[in-house]
Amino acid sequence: MAAVAEQGRTVTSKQALRHWKEVTDQALREPVVITAHGRPRHVLLAYEDYERLRSQERQAYLTADLPADLAEAILQDLDQLRAPAAAEDGDTVIGRGPRPRAGRRPRAAGR
């Protein structure tokens, strides 16, 4: 089906119904996103991929119970977000100071 190949991994629900065999064949190779009214609604993927995702180990911690190495890595990432490194041109990578509030224009100098 050309429509599936042209659009990559996204098809409309109407296309999925009309070309079910082609869509399911593609889903064996890569996940296919099925949209409805222009928004992603479902993902069709091979059963083996589904089982692999289900079997992945998930861990959740209370912040007080975080392993020391994980806590340290998180804190370092947060520090990097708060004080980003300078880019090669000397500008900061993230942000340039406070942004004006929505709906307001920045004040002109000298006001």
C-alpha atoms as a PDB file:
ATOM      1  CA  MET A   1       0.000   0.000   0.000  1.00  0.00           C
ATOM      2  CA  ALA A   2       1.553   3.250  -1.145  1.00  0.00           C
ATOM      3  CA  ALA A   3      -0.246   5.404   1.437  1.00  0.00           C
ATOM      4  CA  VAL A   4       1.417   3.598   4.337  1.00  0.00           C
ATOM      5  CA  ALA A   5       4.860   3.644   2.738  1.00  0.00           C
ATOM      6  CA  GLU A   6       4.605   7.327   1.813  1.00  0.00           C
ATOM      7  CA  GLN A   7       3.541   8.455   5.268  1.00  0.00           C
ATOM      8  CA  GLY A   8       6.065   6.371   7.135  1.00  0.00           C
ATOM      9  CA  ARG A   9       4.718   5.075  10.418  1.00  0.00           C
ATOM     10  CA  THR A  10       1.427   7.015  10.613  1.00  0.00           C
ATOM     11  CA  VAL A  11      -1.906   6.163   9.006  1.00  0.00           C
ATOM     12  CA  THR A  12      -5.427   7.425   9.481  1.00  0.00           C
ATOM     13  CA  SER A  13      -8.037   5.093  10.904  1.00  0.00           C
ATOM     14  CA  LYS A  14      -9.751   5.106   7.513  1.00  0.00           C
ATOM     15  CA  GLN A  15      -6.515   4.032   5.787  1.00  0.00           C
ATOM     16  CA  ALA A  16      -5.973   1.338   8.392  1.00  0.00           C
ATOM     17  CA  LEU A  17      -9.435  -0.112   7.735  1.00  0.00           C
ATOM     18  CA  ARG A  18      -9.072   0.024   3.963  1.00  0.00           C
ATOM     19  CA  HIS A  19      -5.548  -1.431   3.908  1.00  0.00           C
ATOM     20  CA  TRP A  20      -5.505  -3.620   7.027  1.00  0.00           C
ATOM     21  CA  LYS A  21      -3.155  -6.305   5.619  1.00  0.00           C
ATOM     22  CA  GLU A  22      -0.537  -3.757   4.535  1.00  0.00           C
ATOM     23  CA  VAL A  23      -0.775  -1.864   7.819  1.00  0.00           C
ATOM     24  CA  THR A  24      -0.375  -5.028   9.891  1.00  0.00           C
ATOM     25  CA  ASP A  25       2.544  -6.141   7.712  1.00  0.00           C
ATOM     26  CA  GLN A  26       4.225  -2.791   8.315  1.00  0.00           C
ATOM     27  CA  ALA A  27       3.547  -3.097  12.048  1.00  0.00           C
ATOM     28  CA  LEU A  28       5.631  -6.293  12.060  1.00  0.00           C
ATOM     29  CA  ARG A  29       8.608  -4.158  10.973  1.00  0.00           C
ATOM     30  CA  GLU A  30       7.934  -0.991  12.995  1.00  0.00           C
ATOM     31  CA  PRO A  31       5.157   0.468  15.175  1.00  0.00           C
ATOM     32  CA  VAL A  32       2.354   2.143  13.215  1.00  0.00           C
ATOM     33  CA  VAL A  33       0.514   5.122  14.708  1.00  0.00           C
ATOM     34  CA  ILE A  34      -3.172   5.216  13.798  1.00  0.00           C
ATOM     35  CA  THR A  35      -4.742   8.663  13.931  1.00  0.00           C
ATOM     36  CA  ALA A  36      -8.343   9.772  14.293  1.00  0.00           C
ATOM     37  CA  HIS A  37      -9.386  13.341  13.523  1.00  0.00           C
ATOM     38  CA  GLY A  38      -5.740  14.277  13.044  1.00  0.00           C
ATOM     39  CA  ARG A  39      -4.628  13.075  16.485  1.00  0.00           C
ATOM     40  CA  PRO A  40      -2.704   9.922  17.408  1.00  0.00           C
ATOM     41  CA  ARG A  41      -5.119   7.400  18.942  1.00  0.00           C
ATOM     42  CA  HIS A  42      -3.563   3.928  18.725  1.00  0.00           C
ATOM     43  CA  VAL A  43      -0.248   2.212  18.089  1.00  0.00           C
ATOM     44  CA  LEU A  44      -0.143  -1.099  16.274  1.00  0.00           C
ATOM     45  CA  LEU A  45       2.997  -3.137  16.859  1.00  0.00           C
ATOM     46  CA  ALA A  46       4.236  -6.695  16.596  1.00  0.00           C
ATOM     47  CA  TYR A  47       3.238  -8.960  19.478  1.00  0.00           C
ATOM     48  CA  GLU A  48       6.904  -9.678  20.245  1.00  0.00           C
ATOM     49  CA  ASP A  49       7.556  -5.930  20.659  1.00  0.00           C
ATOM     50  CA  TYR A  50       4.530  -5.650  22.940  1.00  0.00           C
ATOM     51  CA  GLU A  51       5.764  -8.525  25.108  1.00  0.00           C
ATOM     52  CA  ARG A  52       9.250  -7.016  25.245  1.00  0.00           C
ATOM     53  CA  LEU A  53       7.811  -3.700  26.432  1.00  0.00           C
ATOM     54  CA  ARG A  54       5.626  -5.399  29.027  1.00  0.00           C
ATOM     55  CA  SER A  55       8.510  -7.389  30.438  1.00  0.00           C
ATOM     56  CA  GLN A  56      10.849  -4.450  30.898  1.00  0.00           C
ATOM     57  CA  GLU A  57      11.670  -3.894  34.506  1.00  0.00           C
ATOM     58  CA  ARG A  58      10.244  -0.710  35.952  1.00  0.00           C
ATOM     59  CA  GLN A  59      11.428   0.837  39.159  1.00  0.00           C
ATOM     60  CA  ALA A  60       9.923   3.652  41.174  1.00  0.00           C
ATOM     61  CA  TYR A  61      11.493   5.162  44.254  1.00  0.00           C
ATOM     62  CA  LEU A  62      10.518   7.577  46.950  1.00  0.00           C
ATOM     63  CA  THR A  63      13.037  10.400  46.811  1.00  0.00           C
ATOM     64  CA  ALA A  64      14.238   9.456  50.291  1.00  0.00           C
ATOM     65  CA  ASP A  65      14.932   5.897  49.101  1.00  0.00           C
ATOM     66  CA  LEU A  66      16.844   6.689  45.891  1.00  0.00           C
ATOM     67  CA  PRO A  67      20.132   4.833  45.489  1.00  0.00           C
ATOM     68  CA  ALA A  68      23.018   7.272  46.001  1.00  0.00           C
ATOM     69  CA  ASP A  69      24.360   6.968  42.438  1.00  0.00           C
ATOM     70  CA  LEU A  70      20.932   7.620  40.913  1.00  0.00           C
ATOM     71  CA  ALA A  71      20.298  10.576  43.230  1.00  0.00           C
ATOM     72  CA  GLU A  72      23.676  12.058  42.292  1.00  0.00           C
ATOM     73  CA  ALA A  73      22.999  11.655  38.564  1.00  0.00           C
ATOM     74  CA  ILE A  74      19.608  13.348  38.912  1.00  0.00           C
ATOM     75  CA  LEU A  75      21.101  16.237  40.896  1.00  0.00           C
ATOM     76  CA  GLN A  76      23.828  16.734  38.288  1.00  0.00           C
ATOM     77  CA  ASP A  77      21.222  16.816  35.514  1.00  0.00           C
ATOM     78  CA  LEU A  78      19.170  19.358  37.470  1.00  0.00           C
ATOM     79  CA  ASP A  79      22.261  21.513  38.020  1.00  0.00           C
ATOM     80  CA  GLN A  80      22.929  21.395  34.277  1.00  0.00           C
ATOM     81  CA  LEU A  81      19.374  22.553  33.577  1.00  0.00           C
ATOM     82  CA  ARG A  82      19.664  25.404  36.081  1.00  0.00           C
ATOM     83  CA  ALA A  83      23.081  26.585  34.861  1.00  0.00           C
ATOM     84  CA  PRO A  84      23.555  25.452  31.257  1.00  0.00           C
ATOM     85  CA  ALA A  85      26.972  25.318  29.699  1.00  0.00           C
ATOM     86  CA  ALA A  86      28.007  28.036  27.285  1.00  0.00           C
ATOM     87  CA  ALA A  87      27.819  27.239  23.594  1.00  0.00           C
ATOM     88  CA  GLU A  88      30.863  27.585  21.355  1.00  0.00           C
ATOM     89  CA  ASP A  89      29.820  31.150  20.489  1.00  0.00           C
ATOM     90  CA  GLY A  90      29.728  32.064  24.189  1.00  0.00           C
ATOM     91  CA  ASP A  91      25.939  32.241  24.363  1.00  0.00           C
ATOM     92  CA  THR A  92      24.118  30.068  26.855  1.00  0.00           C
ATOM     93  CA  VAL A  93      22.474  26.970  25.486  1.00  0.00           C
ATOM     94  CA  ILE A  94      19.176  27.425  27.326  1.00  0.00           C
ATOM     95  CA  GLY A  95      17.448  30.759  27.828  1.00  0.00           C
ATOM     96  CA  ARG A  96      18.742  34.297  28.053  1.00  0.00           C
ATOM     97  CA  GLY A  97      17.190  35.491  31.253  1.00  0.00           C
ATOM     98  CA  PRO A  98      13.591  36.037  32.258  1.00  0.00           C
ATOM     99  CA  ARG A  99      10.965  36.009  29.527  1.00  0.00           C
ATOM    100  CA  PRO A 100       8.326  38.717  29.288  1.00  0.00           C
ATOM    101  CA  ARG A 101       4.942  37.663  30.628  1.00  0.00           C
ATOM    102  CA  ALA A 102       2.352  36.562  28.111  1.00  0.00           C
ATOM    103  CA  GLY A 103       0.355  39.436  26.674  1.00  0.00           C
ATOM    104  CA  ARG A 104       2.850  42.116  27.737  1.00  0.00           C
ATOM    105  CA  ARG A 105       5.540  43.793  25.731  1.00  0.00           C
ATOM    106  CA  PRO A 106       9.016  44.225  27.176  1.00  0.00           C
ATOM    107  CA  ARG A 107       9.658  47.728  28.502  1.00  0.00           C
ATOM    108  CA  ALA A 108      11.781  50.037  26.431  1.00  0.00           C
ATOM    109  CA  ALA A 109      15.143  51.030  27.915  1.00  0.00           C
ATOM    110  CA  GLY A 110      14.992  54.128  30.088  1.00  0.00           C
ATOM    111  CA  ARG A 111      11.371  53.743  31.175  1.00  0.00           C
END
